[in-house]
Amino acid sequence: MTEAMALALPVIVYRPLPGQEAGNAEWLSEHNLIEIARDEEQLVEQLQRLEHLGYKDEKVQGMKSFSRKSAADAIVTEALEVIKLRQPSVSAVKSMVVEGQAKTIHGYY
């Protein structure tokens, strides 16, 4: 679904698997971003709706407004910030060195 959203492609989820997939599909459907087809009849009905240009354009616009083009950059930036915060300071690193060995959670090596 992420790839389809990034490309603003309409999505119909056919019989979503219970658990995370169903939960994600329900949330996206409630926000009018995707359709869920629980049986073949619903699938055919929703495919026929997509043949109507106005309906398809509405779904595409919804995807575009929801999609975050810079999401990957934001995730990388946030991950690097977390890593930076977890790095020990220079004085902390010096206190972890004993006779040329580094202290780890398992002891000195």
Protein backbone atom coordinates (compact mmCIF):
# COMPACT_ATOMS: atom_id res chain seq x y z
CA MET A 1 0.00 0.00 0.00
CA THR A 2 2.88 2.34 0.72
CA GLU A 3 4.15 2.15 -2.84
CA ALA A 4 0.66 2.67 -4.26
CA MET A 5 0.18 5.71 -2.03
CA ALA A 6 3.52 7.17 -3.05
CA LEU A 7 2.44 6.88 -6.70
CA ALA A 8 -1.14 8.01 -5.93
CA LEU A 9 -2.64 4.82 -7.32
CA PRO A 10 -6.13 3.79 -6.25
CA VAL A 11 -6.12 0.70 -3.99
CA ILE A 12 -8.66 -2.03 -3.46
CA VAL A 13 -7.67 -4.49 -0.74
CA TYR A 14 -9.30 -7.84 -1.40
CA ARG A 15 -10.08 -9.87 1.70
CA PRO A 16 -7.39 -8.38 3.98
CA LEU A 17 -5.67 -10.80 6.33
CA PRO A 18 -6.68 -10.56 10.00
CA GLY A 19 -4.38 -8.54 12.20
CA GLN A 20 -2.20 -5.65 11.10
CA GLU A 21 -3.18 -5.82 7.43
CA ALA A 22 -6.90 -5.70 8.24
CA GLY A 23 -6.34 -2.93 10.80
CA ASN A 24 -4.36 -0.80 8.34
CA ALA A 25 -6.92 -1.40 5.61
CA GLU A 26 -9.81 -0.43 7.92
CA TRP A 27 -8.08 2.78 8.99
CA LEU A 28 -7.24 3.78 5.41
CA SER A 29 -10.76 2.91 4.28
CA GLU A 30 -12.32 4.96 7.10
CA HIS A 31 -10.28 7.93 5.83
CA ASN A 32 -11.60 7.32 2.31
CA LEU A 33 -8.16 6.52 0.92
CA ILE A 34 -8.68 2.91 -0.15
CA GLU A 35 -11.51 0.45 -0.70
CA ILE A 36 -11.91 -2.95 0.91
CA ALA A 37 -13.59 -5.80 -0.95
CA ARG A 38 -14.63 -8.67 1.28
CA ASP A 39 -15.98 -10.84 -1.54
CA GLU A 40 -15.93 -11.10 -5.33
CA GLU A 41 -19.16 -9.12 -5.71
CA GLN A 42 -17.69 -6.14 -3.83
CA LEU A 43 -14.47 -6.42 -5.80
CA VAL A 44 -16.30 -6.24 -9.14
CA GLU A 45 -18.44 -3.33 -7.89
CA GLN A 46 -15.38 -1.36 -6.77
CA LEU A 47 -13.49 -2.06 -9.98
CA GLN A 48 -16.47 -0.76 -11.94
CA ARG A 49 -16.46 2.42 -9.82
CA LEU A 50 -12.82 3.00 -10.74
CA GLU A 51 -13.83 3.05 -14.40
CA HIS A 52 -15.61 6.37 -13.71
CA LEU A 53 -13.06 9.13 -14.14
CA GLY A 54 -14.49 11.39 -11.41
CA TYR A 55 -14.37 8.63 -8.81
CA LYS A 56 -10.85 7.61 -9.81
CA ASP A 57 -9.68 11.26 -9.70
CA GLU A 58 -11.17 11.61 -6.22
CA LYS A 59 -9.20 8.58 -5.00
CA VAL A 60 -5.99 9.83 -6.65
CA GLN A 61 -6.37 13.28 -5.07
CA GLY A 62 -6.99 11.68 -1.68
CA MET A 63 -3.81 9.66 -2.01
CA LYS A 64 -1.80 12.69 -3.09
CA SER A 65 -3.00 14.79 -0.17
CA PHE A 66 -2.26 11.99 2.30
CA SER A 67 1.09 10.89 0.87
CA ARG A 68 4.23 12.41 2.37
CA LYS A 69 6.90 12.70 -0.31
CA SER A 70 9.62 13.46 2.21
CA ALA A 71 8.71 10.66 4.64
CA ALA A 72 11.92 8.70 3.97
CA ASP A 73 14.06 11.78 4.64
CA ALA A 74 12.18 12.45 7.88
CA ILE A 75 12.62 8.85 9.04
CA VAL A 76 16.37 8.86 8.31
CA THR A 77 16.83 12.21 10.06
CA GLU A 78 14.93 11.02 13.13
CA ALA A 79 16.87 7.73 13.25
CA LEU A 80 20.19 9.59 13.06
CA GLU A 81 19.11 11.92 15.87
CA VAL A 82 18.22 8.96 18.09
CA ILE A 83 21.55 7.31 17.33
CA LYS A 84 23.39 10.57 18.08
CA LEU A 85 21.62 10.89 21.44
CA ARG A 86 22.61 7.34 22.36
CA GLN A 87 26.30 7.84 21.52
CA PRO A 88 28.41 8.26 24.64
CA SER A 89 30.25 11.51 25.20
CA VAL A 90 34.05 11.66 24.82
CA SER A 91 34.53 11.63 28.61
CA ALA A 92 32.22 8.62 28.92
CA VAL A 93 34.21 6.77 26.26
CA LYS A 94 37.49 7.54 28.07
CA SER A 95 36.07 6.04 31.27
CA MET A 96 35.23 2.86 29.37
CA VAL A 97 38.84 2.25 28.31
CA VAL A 98 41.00 0.18 30.63
CA GLU A 99 44.56 -0.71 29.62
CA GLY A 100 43.74 -0.54 25.93
CA GLN A 101 40.53 -2.51 26.28
CA ALA A 102 36.99 -1.23 25.84
CA LYS A 103 34.28 -1.92 28.38
CA THR A 104 31.16 -3.43 26.88
CA ILE A 105 27.96 -4.66 28.47
CA HIS A 106 29.69 -8.04 28.72
CA GLY A 107 32.76 -6.72 30.51
CA TYR A 108 36.21 -5.66 29.30
CA TYR A 109 37.65 -6.87 25.99
